[in-house]
């Protein structure tokens, strides 16, 4: 069994990969990461004080119990 798995693993490693035609495109995960960071910055600027107050209230209510 392990011989078959080893052969499969080696075959997958040595398999030639086709050239990628979308080489110049920005990958989707990069766009998602940048957009998420942008949303965090916008939300932080708009509601930063309220979020800080909510966090302080939540932590004080947990520590008082």
C-alpha atoms as a PDB file:
ATOM      1  CA  UNK A   1       0.000   0.000   0.000  1.00  0.00           C
ATOM      2  CA  UNK A   2       2.740   2.460   0.921  1.00  0.00           C
ATOM      3  CA  UNK A   3       4.550   1.742  -2.356  1.00  0.00           C
ATOM      4  CA  UNK A   4       1.453   2.776  -4.296  1.00  0.00           C
ATOM      5  CA  UNK A   5       1.116   5.959  -2.267  1.00  0.00           C
ATOM      6  CA  UNK A   6       4.788   6.768  -2.784  1.00  0.00           C
ATOM      7  CA  UNK A   7       4.472   6.272  -6.541  1.00  0.00           C
ATOM      8  CA  UNK A   8       1.361   8.452  -6.633  1.00  0.00           C
ATOM      9  CA  UNK A   9       3.098  11.183  -4.631  1.00  0.00           C
ATOM     10  CA  UNK A  10       6.149  11.159  -6.904  1.00  0.00           C
ATOM     11  CA  UNK A  11       3.957  11.161 -10.014  1.00  0.00           C
ATOM     12  CA  UNK A  12       2.033  14.188  -8.737  1.00  0.00           C
ATOM     13  CA  UNK A  13       5.256  16.040  -7.918  1.00  0.00           C
ATOM     14  CA  UNK A  14       6.832  15.356 -11.303  1.00  0.00           C
ATOM     15  CA  UNK A  15       3.700  16.069 -13.337  1.00  0.00           C
ATOM     16  CA  UNK A  16       4.306  19.070 -15.624  1.00  0.00           C
ATOM     17  CA  UNK A  17       2.013  21.980 -14.902  1.00  0.00           C
ATOM     18  CA  UNK A  18       0.376  23.988 -17.680  1.00  0.00           C
ATOM     19  CA  UNK A  19       1.362  27.618 -18.124  1.00  0.00           C
ATOM     20  CA  UNK A  20      -0.979  30.034 -16.421  1.00  0.00           C
ATOM     21  CA  UNK A  21      -2.618  32.469 -18.787  1.00  0.00           C
ATOM     22  CA  UNK A  22      -3.865  34.842 -16.042  1.00  0.00           C
ATOM     23  CA  UNK A  23      -0.345  35.544 -14.832  1.00  0.00           C
ATOM     24  CA  UNK A  24      -0.839  39.336 -14.695  1.00  0.00           C
ATOM     25  CA  UNK A  25      -4.156  39.255 -12.837  1.00  0.00           C
ATOM     26  CA  UNK A  26      -4.371  40.035  -9.156  1.00  0.00           C
ATOM     27  CA  UNK A  27      -5.464  36.890  -7.290  1.00  0.00           C
ATOM     28  CA  UNK A  28      -8.878  36.984  -5.671  1.00  0.00           C
ATOM     29  CA  UNK A  29      -7.518  36.444  -2.184  1.00  0.00           C
ATOM     30  CA  UNK A  30      -5.439  39.632  -2.477  1.00  0.00           C
ATOM     31  CA  UNK A  31      -8.523  41.652  -3.402  1.00  0.00           C
ATOM     32  CA  UNK A  32     -10.525  40.123  -0.559  1.00  0.00           C
ATOM     33  CA  UNK A  33      -7.742  40.917   1.920  1.00  0.00           C
ATOM     34  CA  UNK A  34      -7.426  44.530   0.745  1.00  0.00           C
ATOM     35  CA  UNK A  35     -11.200  45.076   0.794  1.00  0.00           C
ATOM     36  CA  UNK A  36     -11.478  43.566   4.277  1.00  0.00           C
ATOM     37  CA  UNK A  37      -8.714  45.815   5.563  1.00  0.00           C
ATOM     38  CA  UNK A  38     -10.471  48.812   3.993  1.00  0.00           C
ATOM     39  CA  UNK A  39     -13.756  47.918   5.677  1.00  0.00           C
ATOM     40  CA  UNK A  40     -12.023  47.565   9.042  1.00  0.00           C
ATOM     41  CA  UNK A  41     -10.452  51.021   8.660  1.00  0.00           C
ATOM     42  CA  UNK A  42     -13.771  52.624   7.683  1.00  0.00           C
ATOM     43  CA  UNK A  43     -15.688  50.971  10.529  1.00  0.00           C
ATOM     44  CA  UNK A  44     -12.928  51.870  13.002  1.00  0.00           C
ATOM     45  CA  UNK A  45     -13.029  55.549  11.971  1.00  0.00           C
ATOM     46  CA  UNK A  46     -16.822  55.776  12.073  1.00  0.00           C
ATOM     47  CA  UNK A  47     -17.515  53.788  15.227  1.00  0.00           C
ATOM     48  CA  UNK A  48     -14.163  53.632  17.046  1.00  0.00           C
ATOM     49  CA  UNK A  49     -15.322  55.424  20.168  1.00  0.00           C
ATOM     50  CA  UNK A  50     -18.492  53.358  20.450  1.00  0.00           C
ATOM     51  CA  UNK A  51     -16.543  50.131  19.936  1.00  0.00           C
ATOM     52  CA  UNK A  52     -14.032  51.097  22.620  1.00  0.00           C
ATOM     53  CA  UNK A  53     -16.859  51.905  25.035  1.00  0.00           C
ATOM     54  CA  UNK A  54     -18.578  48.596  24.294  1.00  0.00           C
ATOM     55  CA  UNK A  55     -15.329  46.695  24.890  1.00  0.00           C
ATOM     56  CA  UNK A  56     -14.668  48.483  28.184  1.00  0.00           C
ATOM     57  CA  UNK A  57     -18.226  47.843  29.380  1.00  0.00           C
ATOM     58  CA  UNK A  58     -18.034  44.163  28.416  1.00  0.00           C
ATOM     59  CA  UNK A  59     -14.691  43.669  30.139  1.00  0.00           C
ATOM     60  CA  UNK A  60     -15.790  45.483  33.283  1.00  0.00           C
ATOM     61  CA  UNK A  61     -18.987  43.440  33.492  1.00  0.00           C
ATOM     62  CA  UNK A  62     -16.993  40.208  33.220  1.00  0.00           C
ATOM     63  CA  UNK A  63     -14.388  41.260  35.786  1.00  0.00           C
ATOM     64  CA  UNK A  64     -17.064  42.390  38.311  1.00  0.00           C
ATOM     65  CA  UNK A  65     -18.721  38.967  38.423  1.00  0.00           C
END
